PDB file of N, CA and C in Angstrom:
ATOM      1  N   UNK A   1      76.188  36.091  -8.830  1.00  0.00           N
ATOM      2  CA  UNK A   1      74.898  35.126  -8.068  1.00  0.00           C
ATOM      3  C   UNK A   1      73.529  36.416  -8.146  1.00  0.00           C
ATOM      4  N   UNK A   2      72.536  35.824  -8.195  1.00  0.00           N
ATOM      5  CA  UNK A   2      71.680  36.739  -7.936  1.00  0.00           C
ATOM      6  C   UNK A   2      70.836  37.081  -6.867  1.00  0.00           C
ATOM      7  N   UNK A   3      70.350  38.258  -6.579  1.00  0.00           N
ATOM      8  CA  UNK A   3      69.702  38.428  -5.269  1.00  0.00           C
ATOM      9  C   UNK A   3      68.555  37.749  -5.125  1.00  0.00           C
ATOM     10  N   UNK A   4      68.405  37.265  -3.756  1.00  0.00           N
ATOM     11  CA  UNK A   4      67.645  36.328  -2.858  1.00  0.00           C
ATOM     12  C   UNK A   4      66.415  37.144  -2.523  1.00  0.00           C
ATOM     13  N   UNK A   5      65.233  36.679  -3.158  1.00  0.00           N
ATOM     14  CA  UNK A   5      63.707  37.124  -2.910  1.00  0.00           C
ATOM     15  C   UNK A   5      63.518  36.640  -1.826  1.00  0.00           C
ATOM     16  N   UNK A   6      63.589  37.648  -0.395  1.00  0.00           N
ATOM     17  CA  UNK A   6      62.874  36.948   0.514  1.00  0.00           C
ATOM     18  C   UNK A   6      61.481  36.773   1.083  1.00  0.00           C
ATOM     19  N   UNK A   7      60.985  37.015   0.411  1.00  0.00           N
ATOM     20  CA  UNK A   7      59.251  36.757   0.148  1.00  0.00           C
ATOM     21  C   UNK A   7      58.672  35.777  -0.817  1.00  0.00           C
ATOM     22  N   UNK A   8      57.635  35.345  -0.211  1.00  0.00           N
ATOM     23  CA  UNK A   8      57.121  34.144  -0.928  1.00  0.00           C
ATOM     24  C   UNK A   8      55.953  34.584  -1.606  1.00  0.00           C
ATOM     25  N   UNK A   9      55.736  35.818  -1.720  1.00  0.00           N
ATOM     26  CA  UNK A   9      54.307  36.401  -2.230  1.00  0.00           C
ATOM     27  C   UNK A   9      54.746  37.147  -3.754  1.00  0.00           C
ATOM     28  N   UNK A  10      54.032  37.338  -4.412  1.00  0.00           N
ATOM     29  CA  UNK A  10      54.286  38.121  -5.370  1.00  0.00           C
ATOM     30  C   UNK A  10      53.203  39.617  -5.135  1.00  0.00           C
ATOM     31  N   UNK A  11      53.922  40.946  -5.353  1.00  0.00           N
ATOM     32  CA  UNK A  11      52.890  41.920  -4.947  1.00  0.00           C
ATOM     33  C   UNK A  11      52.618  42.536  -6.114  1.00  0.00           C
ATOM     34  N   UNK A  12      51.613  43.315  -6.250  1.00  0.00           N
ATOM     35  CA  UNK A  12      50.747  43.394  -5.356  1.00  0.00           C
ATOM     36  C   UNK A  12      49.954  42.134  -5.188  1.00  0.00           C
ATOM     37  N   UNK A  13      49.257  41.605  -4.176  1.00  0.00           N
ATOM     38  CA  UNK A  13      48.430  40.570  -3.758  1.00  0.00           C
ATOM     39  C   UNK A  13      47.331  40.883  -2.861  1.00  0.00           C
ATOM     40  N   UNK A  14      46.281  39.948  -2.514  1.00  0.00           N
ATOM     41  CA  UNK A  14      45.229  40.298  -1.534  1.00  0.00           C
ATOM     42  C   UNK A  14      45.835  39.407  -0.562  1.00  0.00           C
ATOM     43  N   UNK A  15      45.961  40.063   0.875  1.00  0.00           N
ATOM     44  CA  UNK A  15      46.460  39.103   1.968  1.00  0.00           C
ATOM     45  C   UNK A  15      45.198  39.168   3.001  1.00  0.00           C
ATOM     46  N   UNK A  16      45.137  38.263   3.713  1.00  0.00           N
ATOM     47  CA  UNK A  16      44.208  38.193   4.540  1.00  0.00           C
ATOM     48  C   UNK A  16      44.529  38.084   5.901  1.00  0.00           C
ATOM     49  N   UNK A  17      44.449  39.303   6.678  1.00  0.00           N
ATOM     50  CA  UNK A  17      44.687  39.443   8.122  1.00  0.00           C
ATOM     51  C   UNK A  17      43.927  39.349   9.071  1.00  0.00           C
ATOM     52  N   UNK A  18      44.158  38.240   9.958  1.00  0.00           N
ATOM     53  CA  UNK A  18      42.819  38.242  11.193  1.00  0.00           C
ATOM     54  C   UNK A  18      42.928  38.745  12.190  1.00  0.00           C
ATOM     55  N   UNK A  19      41.982  39.259  13.101  1.00  0.00           N
ATOM     56  CA  UNK A  19      42.315  40.500  13.822  1.00  0.00           C
ATOM     57  C   UNK A  19      41.545  39.920  14.975  1.00  0.00           C
ATOM     58  N   UNK A  20      41.803  39.722  16.268  1.00  0.00           N
ATOM     59  CA  UNK A  20      40.646  39.577  17.437  1.00  0.00           C
ATOM     60  C   UNK A  20      41.025  40.526  18.452  1.00  0.00           C
ATOM     61  N   UNK A  21      39.644  40.908  19.066  1.00  0.00           N
ATOM     62  CA  UNK A  21      39.709  41.561  20.218  1.00  0.00           C
ATOM     63  C   UNK A  21      38.202  41.651  20.964  1.00  0.00           C
ATOM     64  N   UNK A  22      38.171  42.256  22.432  1.00  0.00           N
ATOM     65  CA  UNK A  22      37.028  42.391  22.771  1.00  0.00           C
ATOM     66  C   UNK A  22      36.164  43.210  21.955  1.00  0.00           C
ATOM     67  N   UNK A  23      34.721  42.384  22.434  1.00  0.00           N
ATOM     68  CA  UNK A  23      33.811  42.853  21.461  1.00  0.00           C
ATOM     69  C   UNK A  23      33.226  44.169  21.830  1.00  0.00           C
ATOM     70  N   UNK A  24      33.325  45.210  20.789  1.00  0.00           N
ATOM     71  CA  UNK A  24      33.027  46.415  21.230  1.00  0.00           C
ATOM     72  C   UNK A  24      32.547  47.191  19.692  1.00  0.00           C
ATOM     73  N   UNK A  25      31.268  48.147  20.066  1.00  0.00           N
ATOM     74  CA  UNK A  25      30.454  48.556  18.683  1.00  0.00           C
ATOM     75  C   UNK A  25      31.650  49.077  17.762  1.00  0.00           C
ATOM     76  N   UNK A  26      32.768  49.647  18.036  1.00  0.00           N
ATOM     77  CA  UNK A  26      33.445  50.170  17.304  1.00  0.00           C
ATOM     78  C   UNK A  26      34.609  49.397  16.766  1.00  0.00           C
ATOM     79  N   UNK A  27      34.880  48.191  17.429  1.00  0.00           N
ATOM     80  CA  UNK A  27      36.148  47.368  16.916  1.00  0.00           C
ATOM     81  C   UNK A  27      36.250  47.485  15.325  1.00  0.00           C
ATOM     82  N   UNK A  28      35.194  47.260  14.447  1.00  0.00           N
ATOM     83  CA  UNK A  28      35.362  46.646  13.075  1.00  0.00           C
ATOM     84  C   UNK A  28      35.765  48.232  12.910  1.00  0.00           C
ATOM     85  N   UNK A  29      35.346  49.188  13.049  1.00  0.00           N
ATOM     86  CA  UNK A  29      35.296  50.642  12.277  1.00  0.00           C
ATOM     87  C   UNK A  29      36.910  50.866  12.734  1.00  0.00           C
ATOM     88  N   UNK A  30      37.516  50.909  14.018  1.00  0.00           N
ATOM     89  CA  UNK A  30      38.512  51.074  14.199  1.00  0.00           C
ATOM     90  C   UNK A  30      39.629  50.413  13.388  1.00  0.00           C
ATOM     91  N   UNK A  31      39.748  49.230  12.909  1.00  0.00           N
ATOM     92  CA  UNK A  31      40.494  48.340  12.554  1.00  0.00           C
ATOM     93  C   UNK A  31      40.517  49.052  11.076  1.00  0.00           C
ATOM     94  N   UNK A  32      39.466  49.142  10.390  1.00  0.00           N
ATOM     95  CA  UNK A  32      38.817  49.691   9.231  1.00  0.00           C
ATOM     96  C   UNK A  32      39.930  51.080   8.896  1.00  0.00           C
ATOM     97  N   UNK A  33      39.706  52.034  10.222  1.00  0.00           N
ATOM     98  CA  UNK A  33      40.860  52.880  10.046  1.00  0.00           C
ATOM     99  C   UNK A  33      42.284  53.056   9.992  1.00  0.00           C
ATOM    100  N   UNK A  34      42.591  52.042  11.087  1.00  0.00           N
ATOM    101  CA  UNK A  34      44.022  51.529  11.234  1.00  0.00           C
ATOM    102  C   UNK A  34      44.558  51.026   9.624  1.00  0.00           C
ATOM    103  N   UNK A  35      43.701  50.542   8.759  1.00  0.00           N
ATOM    104  CA  UNK A  35      44.230  49.406   7.663  1.00  0.00           C
ATOM    105  C   UNK A  35      44.110  50.455   6.481  1.00  0.00           C
ATOM    106  N   UNK A  36      43.261  51.566   6.586  1.00  0.00           N
ATOM    107  CA  UNK A  36      43.199  52.318   5.416  1.00  0.00           C
ATOM    108  C   UNK A  36      44.953  53.319   5.801  1.00  0.00           C
ATOM    109  N   UNK A  37      45.376  53.399   7.065  1.00  0.00           N
ATOM    110  CA  UNK A  37      46.242  54.258   7.049  1.00  0.00           C
ATOM    111  C   UNK A  37      47.724  53.859   6.071  1.00  0.00           C
ATOM    112  N   UNK A  38      47.559  52.675   5.903  1.00  0.00           N
ATOM    113  CA  UNK A  38      48.429  51.713   5.057  1.00  0.00           C
ATOM    114  C   UNK A  38      47.972  51.418   3.754  1.00  0.00           C
ATOM    115  N   UNK A  39      46.924  51.378   3.383  1.00  0.00           N
ATOM    116  CA  UNK A  39      46.134  50.690   2.253  1.00  0.00           C
ATOM    117  C   UNK A  39      44.782  51.483   1.966  1.00  0.00           C
ATOM    118  N   UNK A  40      45.075  52.808   1.684  1.00  0.00           N
ATOM    119  CA  UNK A  40      43.848  54.068   1.243  1.00  0.00           C
ATOM    120  C   UNK A  40      42.913  53.484   0.388  1.00  0.00           C
ATOM    121  N   UNK A  41      42.958  52.480  -0.177  1.00  0.00           N
ATOM    122  CA  UNK A  41      41.451  51.706  -0.981  1.00  0.00           C
ATOM    123  C   UNK A  41      41.411  50.887  -0.463  1.00  0.00           C
ATOM    124  N   UNK A  42      41.388  50.590   1.008  1.00  0.00           N
ATOM    125  CA  UNK A  42      40.546  49.501   1.648  1.00  0.00           C
ATOM    126  C   UNK A  42      39.116  49.295   1.826  1.00  0.00           C
ATOM    127  N   UNK A  43      38.651  48.875   1.409  1.00  0.00           N
ATOM    128  CA  UNK A  43      36.930  48.671   1.503  1.00  0.00           C
ATOM    129  C   UNK A  43      36.714  48.023   2.737  1.00  0.00           C
ATOM    130  N   UNK A  44      35.627  48.610   3.893  1.00  0.00           N
ATOM    131  CA  UNK A  44      35.241  47.576   4.582  1.00  0.00           C
ATOM    132  C   UNK A  44      34.196  46.566   4.066  1.00  0.00           C
ATOM    133  N   UNK A  45      33.946  46.445   2.940  1.00  0.00           N
ATOM    134  CA  UNK A  45      33.340  45.115   2.388  1.00  0.00           C
ATOM    135  C   UNK A  45      34.244  44.187   2.583  1.00  0.00           C
ATOM    136  N   UNK A  46      35.314  43.997   2.583  1.00  0.00           N
ATOM    137  CA  UNK A  46      36.080  42.964   2.260  1.00  0.00           C
ATOM    138  C   UNK A  46      36.634  42.701   4.019  1.00  0.00           C
ATOM    139  N   UNK A  47      35.826  42.682   4.983  1.00  0.00           N
ATOM    140  CA  UNK A  47      35.850  42.099   6.236  1.00  0.00           C
ATOM    141  C   UNK A  47      35.127  41.261   6.368  1.00  0.00           C
ATOM    142  N   UNK A  48      35.764  40.131   6.820  1.00  0.00           N
ATOM    143  CA  UNK A  48      34.537  39.052   7.630  1.00  0.00           C
ATOM    144  C   UNK A  48      34.640  39.129   9.089  1.00  0.00           C
ATOM    145  N   UNK A  49      33.271  39.249   9.685  1.00  0.00           N
ATOM    146  CA  UNK A  49      33.268  39.256  11.107  1.00  0.00           C
ATOM    147  C   UNK A  49      32.600  38.098  11.867  1.00  0.00           C
ATOM    148  N   UNK A  50      33.034  37.843  12.798  1.00  0.00           N
ATOM    149  CA  UNK A  50      32.578  36.457  13.650  1.00  0.00           C
ATOM    150  C   UNK A  50      32.731  37.017  14.764  1.00  0.00           C
ATOM    151  N   UNK A  51      31.320  36.912  15.920  1.00  0.00           N
ATOM    152  CA  UNK A  51      31.712  36.701  17.412  1.00  0.00           C
ATOM    153  C   UNK A  51      32.122  35.485  17.855  1.00  0.00           C
ATOM    154  N   UNK A  52      32.806  35.390  19.066  1.00  0.00           N
ATOM    155  CA  UNK A  52      33.007  34.221  19.778  1.00  0.00           C
ATOM    156  C   UNK A  52      31.506  33.664  20.494  1.00  0.00           C
ATOM    157  N   UNK A  53      31.462  32.351  20.886  1.00  0.00           N
ATOM    158  CA  UNK A  53      30.307  31.982  21.259  1.00  0.00           C
ATOM    159  C   UNK A  53      30.051  32.249  22.265  1.00  0.00           C
ATOM    160  N   UNK A  54      30.728  32.830  23.213  1.00  0.00           N
ATOM    161  CA  UNK A  54      29.970  33.753  24.091  1.00  0.00           C
ATOM    162  C   UNK A  54      30.081  35.147  23.969  1.00  0.00           C
ATOM    163  N   UNK A  55      29.938  35.691  23.041  1.00  0.00           N
ATOM    164  CA  UNK A  55      29.860  36.687  22.697  1.00  0.00           C
ATOM    165  C   UNK A  55      31.063  38.219  23.088  1.00  0.00           C
ATOM    166  N   UNK A  56      31.907  37.469  23.982  1.00  0.00           N
ATOM    167  CA  UNK A  56      32.779  38.503  24.716  1.00  0.00           C
ATOM    168  C   UNK A  56      33.914  39.146  23.791  1.00  0.00           C
ATOM    169  N   UNK A  57      34.095  38.329  22.413  1.00  0.00           N
ATOM    170  CA  UNK A  57      35.267  38.650  21.419  1.00  0.00           C
ATOM    171  C   UNK A  57      34.716  38.662  20.450  1.00  0.00           C
ATOM    172  N   UNK A  58      35.418  39.347  19.287  1.00  0.00           N
ATOM    173  CA  UNK A  58      35.162  39.399  17.946  1.00  0.00           C
ATOM    174  C   UNK A  58      36.574  39.204  17.066  1.00  0.00           C
ATOM    175  N   UNK A  59      36.233  38.606  16.033  1.00  0.00           N
ATOM    176  CA  UNK A  59      37.158  38.086  15.353  1.00  0.00           C
ATOM    177  C   UNK A  59      36.913  38.568  13.614  1.00  0.00           C
ATOM    178  N   UNK A  60      37.972  39.246  13.292  1.00  0.00           N
ATOM    179  CA  UNK A  60      37.662  39.824  11.725  1.00  0.00           C
ATOM    180  C   UNK A  60      38.914  39.132  10.868  1.00  0.00           C
ATOM    181  N   UNK A  61      38.399  38.901   9.658  1.00  0.00           N
ATOM    182  CA  UNK A  61      39.379  38.737   8.336  1.00  0.00           C
ATOM    183  C   UNK A  61      39.371  39.476   7.546  1.00  0.00           C
ATOM    184  N   UNK A  62      40.783  40.389   7.629  1.00  0.00           N
ATOM    185  CA  UNK A  62      40.421  41.759   6.645  1.00  0.00           C
ATOM    186  C   UNK A  62      41.613  41.562   5.442  1.00  0.00           C
ATOM    187  N   UNK A  63      41.126  41.706   4.764  1.00  0.00           N
ATOM    188  CA  UNK A  63      41.989  41.263   3.312  1.00  0.00           C
ATOM    189  C   UNK A  63      42.234  42.554   2.817  1.00  0.00           C
ATOM    190  N   UNK A  64      43.719  42.878   2.735  1.00  0.00           N
ATOM    191  CA  UNK A  64      44.205  44.135   2.171  1.00  0.00           C
ATOM    192  C   UNK A  64      44.569  43.782   0.709  1.00  0.00           C
ATOM    193  N   UNK A  65      45.036  44.726   0.135  1.00  0.00           N
ATOM    194  CA  UNK A  65      45.609  44.618  -1.275  1.00  0.00           C
ATOM    195  C   UNK A  65      47.211  45.261  -0.895  1.00  0.00           C
ATOM    196  N   UNK A  66      48.111  44.003  -0.606  1.00  0.00           N
ATOM    197  CA  UNK A  66      49.333  44.143  -0.404  1.00  0.00           C
ATOM    198  C   UNK A  66      50.126  44.338  -1.509  1.00  0.00           C
ATOM    199  N   UNK A  67      51.137  45.634  -1.302  1.00  0.00           N
ATOM    200  CA  UNK A  67      51.823  46.205  -2.248  1.00  0.00           C
ATOM    201  C   UNK A  67      53.281  45.933  -2.023  1.00  0.00           C
ATOM    202  N   UNK A  68      53.175  45.611  -0.584  1.00  0.00           N
ATOM    203  CA  UNK A  68      54.914  45.230  -0.514  1.00  0.00           C
ATOM    204  C   UNK A  68      55.385  44.449   1.091  1.00  0.00           C
ATOM    205  N   UNK A  69      56.450  43.733   1.381  1.00  0.00           N
ATOM    206  CA  UNK A  69      56.421  43.194   2.842  1.00  0.00           C
ATOM    207  C   UNK A  69      56.297  44.255   3.591  1.00  0.00           C
ATOM    208  N   UNK A  70      56.953  45.516   3.211  1.00  0.00           N
ATOM    209  CA  UNK A  70      56.809  46.733   4.469  1.00  0.00           C
ATOM    210  C   UNK A  70      55.845  47.014   4.918  1.00  0.00           C
ATOM    211  N   UNK A  71      54.736  47.070   3.777  1.00  0.00           N
ATOM    212  CA  UNK A  71      53.475  47.389   4.143  1.00  0.00           C
ATOM    213  C   UNK A  71      52.663  46.506   5.169  1.00  0.00           C
ATOM    214  N   UNK A  72      52.884  45.077   4.799  1.00  0.00           N
ATOM    215  CA  UNK A  72      52.133  44.253   5.522  1.00  0.00           C
ATOM    216  C   UNK A  72      53.061  43.940   6.916  1.00  0.00           C
ATOM    217  N   UNK A  73      54.378  44.612   6.875  1.00  0.00           N
ATOM    218  CA  UNK A  73      54.693  44.572   8.411  1.00  0.00           C
ATOM    219  C   UNK A  73      54.482  46.025   9.000  1.00  0.00           C
ATOM    220  N   UNK A  74      54.118  46.517   8.379  1.00  0.00           N
ATOM    221  CA  UNK A  74      53.561  48.367   8.924  1.00  0.00           C
ATOM    222  C   UNK A  74      52.375  48.141   9.532  1.00  0.00           C
ATOM    223  N   UNK A  75      51.273  46.957   8.725  1.00  0.00           N
ATOM    224  CA  UNK A  75      50.091  46.993   8.927  1.00  0.00           C
ATOM    225  C   UNK A  75      49.953  46.102  10.354  1.00  0.00           C
ATOM    226  N   UNK A  76      50.872  45.132  10.405  1.00  0.00           N
ATOM    227  CA  UNK A  76      50.774  44.112  11.387  1.00  0.00           C
ATOM    228  C   UNK A  76      51.500  44.950  12.905  1.00  0.00           C
ATOM    229  N   UNK A  77      51.977  45.879  12.626  1.00  0.00           N
ATOM    230  CA  UNK A  77      52.671  46.564  14.035  1.00  0.00           C
ATOM    231  C   UNK A  77      51.656  47.230  14.422  1.00  0.00           C
ATOM    232  N   UNK A  78      50.989  47.978  13.545  1.00  0.00           N
ATOM    233  CA  UNK A  78      49.965  49.196  13.884  1.00  0.00           C
ATOM    234  C   UNK A  78      48.993  48.369  14.450  1.00  0.00           C
ATOM    235  N   UNK A  79      48.227  47.284  13.919  1.00  0.00           N
ATOM    236  CA  UNK A  79      47.517  46.625  14.556  1.00  0.00           C
ATOM    237  C   UNK A  79      47.868  45.929  15.861  1.00  0.00           C
ATOM    238  N   UNK A  80      49.323  45.026  16.067  1.00  0.00           N
ATOM    239  CA  UNK A  80      49.494  44.807  17.260  1.00  0.00           C
ATOM    240  C   UNK A  80      49.453  45.551  18.435  1.00  0.00           C
ATOM    241  N   UNK A  81      49.877  46.912  17.947  1.00  0.00           N
ATOM    242  CA  UNK A  81      50.058  47.876  19.111  1.00  0.00           C
ATOM    243  C   UNK A  81      48.901  48.770  19.643  1.00  0.00           C
ATOM    244  N   UNK A  82      47.812  48.540  18.611  1.00  0.00           N
ATOM    245  CA  UNK A  82      46.510  48.988  19.008  1.00  0.00           C
ATOM    246  C   UNK A  82      45.770  48.244  20.427  1.00  0.00           C
ATOM    247  N   UNK A  83      45.368  49.411  21.070  1.00  0.00           N
ATOM    248  CA  UNK A  83      45.111  48.803  22.627  1.00  0.00           C
ATOM    249  C   UNK A  83      43.515  47.890  22.366  1.00  0.00           C
ATOM    250  N   UNK A  84      42.751  48.135  21.378  1.00  0.00           N
ATOM    251  CA  UNK A  84      41.707  47.184  21.112  1.00  0.00           C
ATOM    252  C   UNK A  84      41.934  46.053  20.570  1.00  0.00           C
ATOM    253  N   UNK A  85      42.923  45.556  20.292  1.00  0.00           N
ATOM    254  CA  UNK A  85      43.310  44.293  19.559  1.00  0.00           C
ATOM    255  C   UNK A  85      44.172  43.372  20.270  1.00  0.00           C
ATOM    256  N   UNK A  86      43.431  42.392  20.429  1.00  0.00           N
ATOM    257  CA  UNK A  86      44.346  41.271  21.235  1.00  0.00           C
ATOM    258  C   UNK A  86      45.222  40.279  20.377  1.00  0.00           C
ATOM    259  N   UNK A  87      45.041  39.848  19.428  1.00  0.00           N
ATOM    260  CA  UNK A  87      45.655  38.983  18.417  1.00  0.00           C
ATOM    261  C   UNK A  87      45.559  39.409  17.222  1.00  0.00           C
ATOM    262  N   UNK A  88      46.923  39.078  16.479  1.00  0.00           N
ATOM    263  CA  UNK A  88      46.793  39.377  15.319  1.00  0.00           C
ATOM    264  C   UNK A  88      47.414  38.139  14.606  1.00  0.00           C
ATOM    265  N   UNK A  89      47.100  37.812  13.218  1.00  0.00           N
ATOM    266  CA  UNK A  89      47.301  36.480  12.749  1.00  0.00           C
ATOM    267  C   UNK A  89      47.702  36.687  11.187  1.00  0.00           C
TER     268      UNK A  89
END
């Protein structure tokens, strides 16, 4: 019997992560720092930024170069545990 591949992705791949939090001048820079802990080659130019209609929240789409499922899990854990982050999708 062959081993089961639990991942639907082939690594490495580009993987978008949506991160939302309250508007703060350092929000995007902080998220870049967190992501670079797991993807040292991450470039800030790979972020799309959108403010909420009221301007109270900001949404980022961060596209990382994922090398494994474990790396993605680590990034998600770090982002969801960060005090500036409200939601990670």
